[in-house]
Amino acid sequence: MIQARLDRKRLEFYKKLLLKLKETFLYDINNIAQGPNGGVSSESRDVSGHVQHMADVATDMYDREFSLGLASNEREVLQRVDLALRKIEDKSFGMCIECSKPIAQARLKAIPYAETCLKCQEKLESKKK
């Protein structure tokens, strides 16, 4: 069901949902940044002073790059969450930025930081291909 504007009760529901998401993303980003070594970069030597095998060093580097990629993706989503929270404050939340029509409640429940309705999102994705 689509409606023109969300009432205060629904806006409060989405605000709580977005704040919970924000908290989760901040926690995840913080843990990724700290890494398994508590933020201390691993060196090519182990605790006994011996040089690690090149494959171990490569695995560590891959893991670090992968974690940085995850953190980057989560930061992007976090920015979208912050934008959605600002839209709640200015009462423009839930409106598609492409066609200015309301975004379906089911879509907002699944992706509360969605900026486009499903129809416009499909158009945008088909243009990318």
Protein backbone atom coordinates (compact mmCIF):
# COMPACT_ATOMS: atom_id res chain seq x y z
CA MET A 1 0.00 0.00 0.00
CA ILE A 2 1.32 3.41 -1.00
CA GLN A 3 0.27 6.67 0.59
CA ALA A 4 1.22 10.26 -0.15
CA ARG A 5 2.90 11.22 3.12
CA LEU A 6 3.80 9.18 6.14
CA ASP A 7 2.13 10.01 9.43
CA ARG A 8 4.13 10.81 12.55
CA LYS A 9 3.78 7.27 13.92
CA ARG A 10 5.26 5.72 10.77
CA LEU A 11 8.01 8.32 10.57
CA GLU A 12 8.92 7.47 14.18
CA PHE A 13 8.96 3.77 13.28
CA TYR A 14 11.39 4.39 10.40
CA LYS A 15 13.49 6.73 12.49
CA LYS A 16 13.98 4.03 15.13
CA LEU A 17 14.75 1.48 12.41
CA LEU A 18 17.31 3.79 10.80
CA LEU A 19 18.94 4.65 14.13
CA LYS A 20 19.29 0.93 14.92
CA LEU A 21 20.86 0.36 11.48
CA LYS A 22 23.21 3.28 12.04
CA GLU A 23 24.30 1.87 15.39
CA THR A 24 24.94 -1.54 13.80
CA PHE A 25 26.95 -0.08 10.92
CA LEU A 26 29.05 2.10 13.23
CA TYR A 27 29.78 -0.92 15.42
CA ASP A 28 30.73 -3.01 12.36
CA ILE A 29 32.93 -0.28 10.87
CA ASN A 30 34.69 0.19 14.20
CA ASN A 31 35.35 -3.56 14.50
CA ILE A 32 36.63 -3.76 10.92
CA ALA A 33 38.94 -0.80 11.52
CA GLN A 34 40.35 -2.44 14.63
CA GLY A 35 40.77 -5.78 12.91
CA PRO A 36 41.76 -9.05 14.54
CA ASN A 37 44.90 -7.44 15.96
CA GLY A 38 43.09 -4.62 17.73
CA GLY A 39 44.15 -2.05 15.16
CA VAL A 40 47.80 -3.04 15.27
CA SER A 41 49.06 -3.86 11.81
CA SER A 42 50.56 -7.29 11.49
CA GLU A 43 54.13 -7.36 10.36
CA SER A 44 55.91 -9.94 8.27
CA ARG A 45 57.40 -11.45 11.43
CA ASP A 46 55.68 -13.66 13.94
CA VAL A 47 56.09 -13.38 17.72
CA SER A 48 59.21 -15.55 17.71
CA GLY A 49 60.96 -13.12 15.36
CA HIS A 50 60.92 -15.49 12.38
CA VAL A 51 59.80 -14.22 9.00
CA GLN A 52 56.34 -15.47 8.04
CA HIS A 53 55.79 -17.44 4.88
CA MET A 54 54.98 -15.30 1.84
CA ALA A 55 51.60 -16.98 1.50
CA ASP A 56 50.73 -15.96 5.08
CA VAL A 57 51.73 -12.38 4.35
CA ALA A 58 49.63 -12.42 1.16
CA THR A 59 46.64 -13.83 3.03
CA ASP A 60 46.99 -11.11 5.68
CA MET A 61 47.13 -8.45 2.96
CA TYR A 62 44.08 -9.91 1.20
CA ASP A 63 42.14 -10.03 4.46
CA ARG A 64 43.05 -6.41 5.19
CA GLU A 65 41.99 -5.26 1.70
CA PHE A 66 38.74 -7.23 1.95
CA SER A 67 37.96 -5.69 5.35
CA LEU A 68 38.68 -2.19 4.03
CA GLY A 69 36.30 -2.85 1.12
CA LEU A 70 33.57 -3.94 3.54
CA ALA A 71 34.13 -0.86 5.68
CA SER A 72 33.92 1.35 2.60
CA ASN A 73 30.61 -0.23 1.54
CA GLU A 74 29.22 0.15 5.04
CA ARG A 75 30.28 3.82 5.12
CA GLU A 76 28.35 4.42 1.90
CA VAL A 77 25.22 2.83 3.36
CA LEU A 78 25.76 4.80 6.58
CA GLN A 79 25.70 8.02 4.53
CA ARG A 80 22.41 6.92 2.97
CA VAL A 81 21.02 6.17 6.44
CA ASP A 82 22.02 9.67 7.61
CA LEU A 83 20.35 11.18 4.55
CA ALA A 84 17.16 9.22 5.28
CA LEU A 85 17.20 10.49 8.87
CA ARG A 86 17.50 14.08 7.60
CA LYS A 87 14.58 13.43 5.25
CA ILE A 88 12.49 12.27 8.21
CA GLU A 89 13.22 15.59 9.93
CA ASP A 90 12.23 17.66 6.87
CA LYS A 91 9.21 15.42 6.17
CA SER A 92 10.40 14.33 2.71
CA PHE A 93 11.12 10.73 3.76
CA GLY A 94 9.51 8.00 1.68
CA MET A 95 9.31 9.96 -1.56
CA CYS A 96 11.14 8.76 -4.68
CA ILE A 97 13.91 11.13 -5.78
CA GLU A 98 13.31 10.19 -9.43
CA CYS A 99 9.53 10.43 -9.92
CA SER A 100 8.49 12.17 -6.65
CA LYS A 101 5.93 9.45 -5.95
CA PRO A 102 5.69 7.64 -2.59
CA ILE A 103 7.90 4.60 -2.06
CA ALA A 104 5.97 1.44 -1.12
CA GLN A 105 5.89 0.62 2.60
CA ALA A 106 7.15 -2.91 1.92
CA ARG A 107 10.24 -1.47 0.19
CA LEU A 108 10.89 0.98 3.02
CA LYS A 109 10.60 -1.78 5.61
CA ALA A 110 13.14 -3.87 3.69
CA ILE A 111 15.45 -0.96 2.82
CA PRO A 112 14.56 2.01 5.02
CA TYR A 113 17.21 4.20 3.36
CA ALA A 114 15.81 3.57 -0.15
CA GLU A 115 15.72 6.75 -2.21
CA THR A 116 13.75 5.44 -5.17
CA CYS A 117 10.58 3.47 -5.75
CA LEU A 118 10.96 -0.02 -7.17
CA LYS A 119 9.98 1.03 -10.68
CA CYS A 120 12.59 3.83 -10.82
CA GLN A 121 15.23 1.60 -9.21
CA GLU A 122 14.68 -1.01 -11.93
CA LYS A 123 15.07 1.71 -14.59
CA LEU A 124 18.30 2.93 -13.00
CA GLU A 125 19.70 -0.60 -12.82
CA SER A 126 18.78 -1.38 -16.42
CA LYS A 127 20.66 1.76 -17.53
CA LYS A 128 23.81 0.51 -15.74
CA LYS A 129 23.85 -2.69 -17.80
